[in-house]
Amino acid sequence: MRALVQAGVEQAQARSSVDDIIVKG
């Protein structure tokens, strides 16, 4: 579970021009 959410976050940060994140579910 943690590996999958971390991978998704990393994909998003690699694409985003801003790094600060908030996570919602």
PDB file of all heavy atoms in Angstrom:
ATOM      1  N   MET A   1       0.831  -1.197   0.000  1.00  0.00           N
ATOM      2  CA  MET A   1       0.000   0.000   0.000  1.00  0.00           C
ATOM      3  C   MET A   1       0.874   1.259   0.000  1.00  0.00           C
ATOM      4  O   MET A   1       0.671   2.184  -0.784  1.00  0.00           O
ATOM      5  CB  MET A   1      -0.923   0.001   1.224  1.00  0.00           C
ATOM      6  CG  MET A   1      -1.812   1.225   1.327  1.00  0.00           C
ATOM      7  SD  MET A   1      -2.771   1.301   2.877  1.00  0.00           S
ATOM      8  CE  MET A   1      -4.053   0.086   2.542  1.00  0.00           C
ATOM      9  N   ARG A   2       1.858   1.276   0.874  1.00  0.00           N
ATOM     10  CA  ARG A   2       2.738   2.441   0.966  1.00  0.00           C
ATOM     11  C   ARG A   2       3.572   2.614  -0.298  1.00  0.00           C
ATOM     12  O   ARG A   2       3.772   3.741  -0.770  1.00  0.00           O
ATOM     13  CB  ARG A   2       3.652   2.312   2.186  1.00  0.00           C
ATOM     14  CG  ARG A   2       2.900   2.389   3.500  1.00  0.00           C
ATOM     15  CD  ARG A   2       3.823   2.339   4.702  1.00  0.00           C
ATOM     16  NE  ARG A   2       3.077   2.410   5.953  1.00  0.00           N
ATOM     17  CZ  ARG A   2       3.609   2.741   7.128  1.00  0.00           C
ATOM     18  NH1 ARG A   2       4.899   3.002   7.214  1.00  0.00           N
ATOM     19  NH2 ARG A   2       2.859   2.777   8.214  1.00  0.00           N
ATOM     20  N   ALA A   3       4.046   1.516  -0.856  1.00  0.00           N
ATOM     21  CA  ALA A   3       4.848   1.609  -2.079  1.00  0.00           C
ATOM     22  C   ALA A   3       4.030   2.168  -3.237  1.00  0.00           C
ATOM     23  O   ALA A   3       4.533   2.968  -4.039  1.00  0.00           O
ATOM     24  CB  ALA A   3       5.407   0.235  -2.440  1.00  0.00           C
ATOM     25  N   LEU A   4       2.775   1.772  -3.332  1.00  0.00           N
ATOM     26  CA  LEU A   4       1.932   2.242  -4.433  1.00  0.00           C
ATOM     27  C   LEU A   4       1.594   3.721  -4.286  1.00  0.00           C
ATOM     28  O   LEU A   4       1.585   4.459  -5.282  1.00  0.00           O
ATOM     29  CB  LEU A   4       0.657   1.405  -4.514  1.00  0.00           C
ATOM     30  CG  LEU A   4       0.845  -0.059  -4.902  1.00  0.00           C
ATOM     31  CD1 LEU A   4      -0.502  -0.772  -4.950  1.00  0.00           C
ATOM     32  CD2 LEU A   4       1.555  -0.185  -6.253  1.00  0.00           C
ATOM     33  N   VAL A   5       1.288   4.150  -3.072  1.00  0.00           N
ATOM     34  CA  VAL A   5       0.975   5.567  -2.905  1.00  0.00           C
ATOM     35  C   VAL A   5       2.231   6.412  -3.112  1.00  0.00           C
ATOM     36  O   VAL A   5       2.178   7.485  -3.723  1.00  0.00           O
ATOM     37  CB  VAL A   5       0.300   5.842  -1.547  1.00  0.00           C
ATOM     38  CG1 VAL A   5       1.262   5.756  -0.390  1.00  0.00           C
ATOM     39  CG2 VAL A   5      -0.387   7.198  -1.563  1.00  0.00           C
ATOM     40  N   GLN A   6       3.382   5.924  -2.652  1.00  0.00           N
ATOM     41  CA  GLN A   6       4.621   6.665  -2.867  1.00  0.00           C
ATOM     42  C   GLN A   6       4.933   6.779  -4.352  1.00  0.00           C
ATOM     43  O   GLN A   6       5.335   7.854  -4.836  1.00  0.00           O
ATOM     44  CB  GLN A   6       5.788   5.991  -2.147  1.00  0.00           C
ATOM     45  CG  GLN A   6       7.112   6.749  -2.333  1.00  0.00           C
ATOM     46  CD  GLN A   6       8.238   6.186  -1.486  1.00  0.00           C
ATOM     47  OE1 GLN A   6       8.037   5.268  -0.689  1.00  0.00           O
ATOM     48  NE2 GLN A   6       9.425   6.733  -1.646  1.00  0.00           N
ATOM     49  N   ALA A   7       4.725   5.706  -5.107  1.00  0.00           N
ATOM     50  CA  ALA A   7       4.983   5.737  -6.545  1.00  0.00           C
ATOM     51  C   ALA A   7       4.080   6.756  -7.232  1.00  0.00           C
ATOM     52  O   ALA A   7       4.518   7.506  -8.116  1.00  0.00           O
ATOM     53  CB  ALA A   7       4.774   4.357  -7.148  1.00  0.00           C
ATOM     54  N   GLY A   8       2.801   6.802  -6.841  1.00  0.00           N
ATOM     55  CA  GLY A   8       1.890   7.776  -7.423  1.00  0.00           C
ATOM     56  C   GLY A   8       2.293   9.193  -7.114  1.00  0.00           C
ATOM     57  O   GLY A   8       2.258  10.071  -7.988  1.00  0.00           O
ATOM     58  N   VAL A   9       2.686   9.439  -5.875  1.00  0.00           N
ATOM     59  CA  VAL A   9       3.134  10.782  -5.488  1.00  0.00           C
ATOM     60  C   VAL A   9       4.373  11.182  -6.286  1.00  0.00           C
ATOM     61  O   VAL A   9       4.479  12.315  -6.780  1.00  0.00           O
ATOM     62  CB  VAL A   9       3.416  10.834  -3.975  1.00  0.00           C
ATOM     63  CG1 VAL A   9       4.121  12.126  -3.597  1.00  0.00           C
ATOM     64  CG2 VAL A   9       2.117  10.692  -3.188  1.00  0.00           C
ATOM     65  N   GLU A  10       5.292  10.274  -6.432  1.00  0.00           N
ATOM     66  CA  GLU A  10       6.518  10.581  -7.177  1.00  0.00           C
ATOM     67  C   GLU A  10       6.226  10.859  -8.647  1.00  0.00           C
ATOM     68  O   GLU A  10       6.851  11.738  -9.261  1.00  0.00           O
ATOM     69  CB  GLU A  10       7.520   9.440  -7.018  1.00  0.00           C
ATOM     70  CG  GLU A  10       8.095   9.359  -5.609  1.00  0.00           C
ATOM     71  CD  GLU A  10       8.968   8.133  -5.400  1.00  0.00           C
ATOM     72  OE1 GLU A  10       8.973   7.238  -6.286  1.00  0.00           O
ATOM     73  OE2 GLU A  10       9.638   8.054  -4.351  1.00  0.00           O
ATOM     74  N   GLN A  11       5.277  10.122  -9.232  1.00  0.00           N
ATOM     75  CA  GLN A  11       4.885  10.392 -10.614  1.00  0.00           C
ATOM     76  C   GLN A  11       4.336  11.806 -10.742  1.00  0.00           C
ATOM     77  O   GLN A  11       4.650  12.542 -11.678  1.00  0.00           O
ATOM     78  CB  GLN A  11       3.816   9.387 -11.057  1.00  0.00           C
ATOM     79  CG  GLN A  11       4.314   7.993 -11.304  1.00  0.00           C
ATOM     80  CD  GLN A  11       5.208   7.895 -12.524  1.00  0.00           C
ATOM     81  OE1 GLN A  11       4.962   8.528 -13.549  1.00  0.00           O
ATOM     82  NE2 GLN A  11       6.251   7.099 -12.423  1.00  0.00           N
ATOM     83  N   ALA A  12       3.496  12.188  -9.793  1.00  0.00           N
ATOM     84  CA  ALA A  12       2.891  13.512  -9.841  1.00  0.00           C
ATOM     85  C   ALA A  12       3.935  14.608  -9.646  1.00  0.00           C
ATOM     86  O   ALA A  12       3.935  15.621 -10.364  1.00  0.00           O
ATOM     87  CB  ALA A  12       1.809  13.619  -8.776  1.00  0.00           C
ATOM     88  N   GLN A  13       4.819  14.424  -8.696  1.00  0.00           N
ATOM     89  CA  GLN A  13       5.836  15.447  -8.435  1.00  0.00           C
ATOM     90  C   GLN A  13       6.790  15.590  -9.612  1.00  0.00           C
ATOM     91  O   GLN A  13       7.265  16.692  -9.881  1.00  0.00           O
ATOM     92  CB  GLN A  13       6.595  15.109  -7.159  1.00  0.00           C
ATOM     93  CG  GLN A  13       5.771  15.352  -5.900  1.00  0.00           C
ATOM     94  CD  GLN A  13       6.565  15.167  -4.633  1.00  0.00           C
ATOM     95  OE1 GLN A  13       7.273  14.164  -4.473  1.00  0.00           O
ATOM     96  NE2 GLN A  13       6.457  16.100  -3.714  1.00  0.00           N
ATOM     97  N   ALA A  14       7.064  14.497 -10.314  1.00  0.00           N
ATOM     98  CA  ALA A  14       7.946  14.571 -11.475  1.00  0.00           C
ATOM     99  C   ALA A  14       7.317  15.397 -12.595  1.00  0.00           C
ATOM    100  O   ALA A  14       8.026  16.008 -13.402  1.00  0.00           O
ATOM    101  CB  ALA A  14       8.267  13.164 -11.978  1.00  0.00           C
ATOM    102  N   ARG A  15       6.000  15.425 -12.633  1.00  0.00           N
ATOM    103  CA  ARG A  15       5.299  16.147 -13.696  1.00  0.00           C
ATOM    104  C   ARG A  15       4.942  17.577 -13.298  1.00  0.00           C
ATOM    105  O   ARG A  15       4.767  18.442 -14.158  1.00  0.00           O
ATOM    106  CB  ARG A  15       4.028  15.383 -14.071  1.00  0.00           C
ATOM    107  CG  ARG A  15       3.268  15.984 -15.229  1.00  0.00           C
ATOM    108  CD  ARG A  15       2.347  14.968 -15.854  1.00  0.00           C
ATOM    109  NE  ARG A  15       1.632  15.524 -16.998  1.00  0.00           N
ATOM    110  CZ  ARG A  15       0.933  14.825 -17.858  1.00  0.00           C
ATOM    111  NH1 ARG A  15       0.843  13.517 -17.722  1.00  0.00           N
ATOM    112  NH2 ARG A  15       0.316  15.394 -18.877  1.00  0.00           N
ATOM    113  N   SER A  16       4.839  17.813 -12.014  1.00  0.00           N
ATOM    114  CA  SER A  16       4.321  19.088 -11.527  1.00  0.00           C
ATOM    115  C   SER A  16       5.405  20.157 -11.468  1.00  0.00           C
ATOM    116  O   SER A  16       6.560  19.879 -11.113  1.00  0.00           O
ATOM    117  CB  SER A  16       3.705  18.906 -10.145  1.00  0.00           C
ATOM    118  OG  SER A  16       3.208  20.118  -9.647  1.00  0.00           O
ATOM    119  N   SER A  17       5.007  21.388 -11.747  1.00  0.00           N
ATOM    120  CA  SER A  17       5.921  22.524 -11.609  1.00  0.00           C
ATOM    121  C   SER A  17       5.977  23.035 -10.177  1.00  0.00           C
ATOM    122  O   SER A  17       6.804  23.887  -9.849  1.00  0.00           O
ATOM    123  CB  SER A  17       5.480  23.659 -12.541  1.00  0.00           C
ATOM    124  OG  SER A  17       4.152  24.069 -12.240  1.00  0.00           O
ATOM    125  N   VAL A  18       5.100  22.526  -9.320  1.00  0.00           N
ATOM    126  CA  VAL A  18       5.129  22.855  -7.889  1.00  0.00           C
ATOM    127  C   VAL A  18       5.237  21.564  -7.095  1.00  0.00           C
ATOM    128  O   VAL A  18       4.652  20.539  -7.463  1.00  0.00           O
ATOM    129  CB  VAL A  18       3.867  23.645  -7.468  1.00  0.00           C
ATOM    130  CG1 VAL A  18       3.919  25.064  -7.996  1.00  0.00           C
ATOM    131  CG2 VAL A  18       2.590  22.954  -7.951  1.00  0.00           C
ATOM    132  N   ASP A  19       5.992  21.601  -6.015  1.00  0.00           N
ATOM    133  CA  ASP A  19       6.283  20.387  -5.257  1.00  0.00           C
ATOM    134  C   ASP A  19       5.419  20.212  -4.012  1.00  0.00           C
ATOM    135  O   ASP A  19       5.235  19.097  -3.545  1.00  0.00           O
ATOM    136  CB  ASP A  19       7.752  20.370  -4.824  1.00  0.00           C
ATOM    137  CG  ASP A  19       8.704  20.210  -6.001  1.00  0.00           C
ATOM    138  OD1 ASP A  19       8.299  19.586  -6.998  1.00  0.00           O
ATOM    139  OD2 ASP A  19       9.835  20.705  -5.914  1.00  0.00           O
ATOM    140  N   ASP A  20       4.932  21.301  -3.427  1.00  0.00           N
ATOM    141  CA  ASP A  20       4.167  21.199  -2.193  1.00  0.00           C
ATOM    142  C   ASP A  20       2.882  20.419  -2.445  1.00  0.00           C
ATOM    143  O   ASP A  20       2.139  20.723  -3.383  1.00  0.00           O
ATOM    144  CB  ASP A  20       3.820  22.583  -1.655  1.00  0.00           C
ATOM    145  CG  ASP A  20       5.049  23.325  -1.173  1.00  0.00           C
ATOM    146  OD1 ASP A  20       6.077  22.671  -0.913  1.00  0.00           O
ATOM    147  OD2 ASP A  20       4.977  24.561  -1.040  1.00  0.00           O
ATOM    148  N   ILE A  21       2.591  19.429  -1.597  1.00  0.00           N
ATOM    149  CA  ILE A  21       1.437  18.570  -1.844  1.00  0.00           C
ATOM    150  C   ILE A  21       0.519  18.484  -0.627  1.00  0.00           C
ATOM    151  O   ILE A  21       0.944  18.657   0.521  1.00  0.00           O
ATOM    152  CB  ILE A  21       1.836  17.151  -2.291  1.00  0.00           C
ATOM    153  CG1 ILE A  21       2.472  16.362  -1.142  1.00  0.00           C
ATOM    154  CG2 ILE A  21       2.749  17.189  -3.484  1.00  0.00           C
ATOM    155  CD1 ILE A  21       2.677  14.893  -1.467  1.00  0.00           C
ATOM    156  N   ILE A  22      -0.736  18.221  -0.915  1.00  0.00           N
ATOM    157  CA  ILE A  22      -1.730  17.798   0.066  1.00  0.00           C
ATOM    158  C   ILE A  22      -2.371  16.538  -0.493  1.00  0.00           C
ATOM    159  O   ILE A  22      -2.636  16.445  -1.697  1.00  0.00           O
ATOM    160  CB  ILE A  22      -2.764  18.899   0.347  1.00  0.00           C
ATOM    161  CG1 ILE A  22      -2.130  19.962   1.267  1.00  0.00           C
ATOM    162  CG2 ILE A  22      -4.035  18.330   0.975  1.00  0.00           C
ATOM    163  CD1 ILE A  22      -3.000  21.157   1.541  1.00  0.00           C
ATOM    164  N   VAL A  23      -2.609  15.567   0.377  1.00  0.00           N
ATOM    165  CA  VAL A  23      -3.161  14.280  -0.037  1.00  0.00           C
ATOM    166  C   VAL A  23      -4.590  14.173   0.477  1.00  0.00           C
ATOM    167  O   VAL A  23      -4.854  14.433   1.655  1.00  0.00           O
ATOM    168  CB  VAL A  23      -2.313  13.117   0.514  1.00  0.00           C
ATOM    169  CG1 VAL A  23      -2.916  11.772   0.103  1.00  0.00           C
ATOM    170  CG2 VAL A  23      -0.870  13.233   0.025  1.00  0.00           C
ATOM    171  N   LYS A  24      -5.507  13.789  -0.409  1.00  0.00           N
ATOM    172  CA  LYS A  24      -6.901  13.579  -0.027  1.00  0.00           C
ATOM    173  C   LYS A  24      -7.345  12.209  -0.514  1.00  0.00           C
ATOM    174  O   LYS A  24      -6.866  11.711  -1.540  1.00  0.00           O
ATOM    175  CB  LYS A  24      -7.805  14.653  -0.639  1.00  0.00           C
ATOM    176  CG  LYS A  24      -7.833  14.631  -2.156  1.00  0.00           C
ATOM    177  CD  LYS A  24      -8.736  15.698  -2.753  1.00  0.00           C
ATOM    178  CE  LYS A  24     -10.185  15.451  -2.496  1.00  0.00           C
ATOM    179  NZ  LYS A  24     -11.059  16.320  -3.337  1.00  0.00           N
ATOM    180  N   GLY A  25      -8.268  11.604   0.223  1.00  0.00           N
ATOM    181  CA  GLY A  25      -8.769  10.305  -0.187  1.00  0.00           C
ATOM    182  C   GLY A  25     -10.230  10.151   0.129  1.00  0.00           C
ATOM    183  O   GLY A  25     -10.760  10.791   1.048  1.00  0.00           O
TER     184      GLY A  25
END
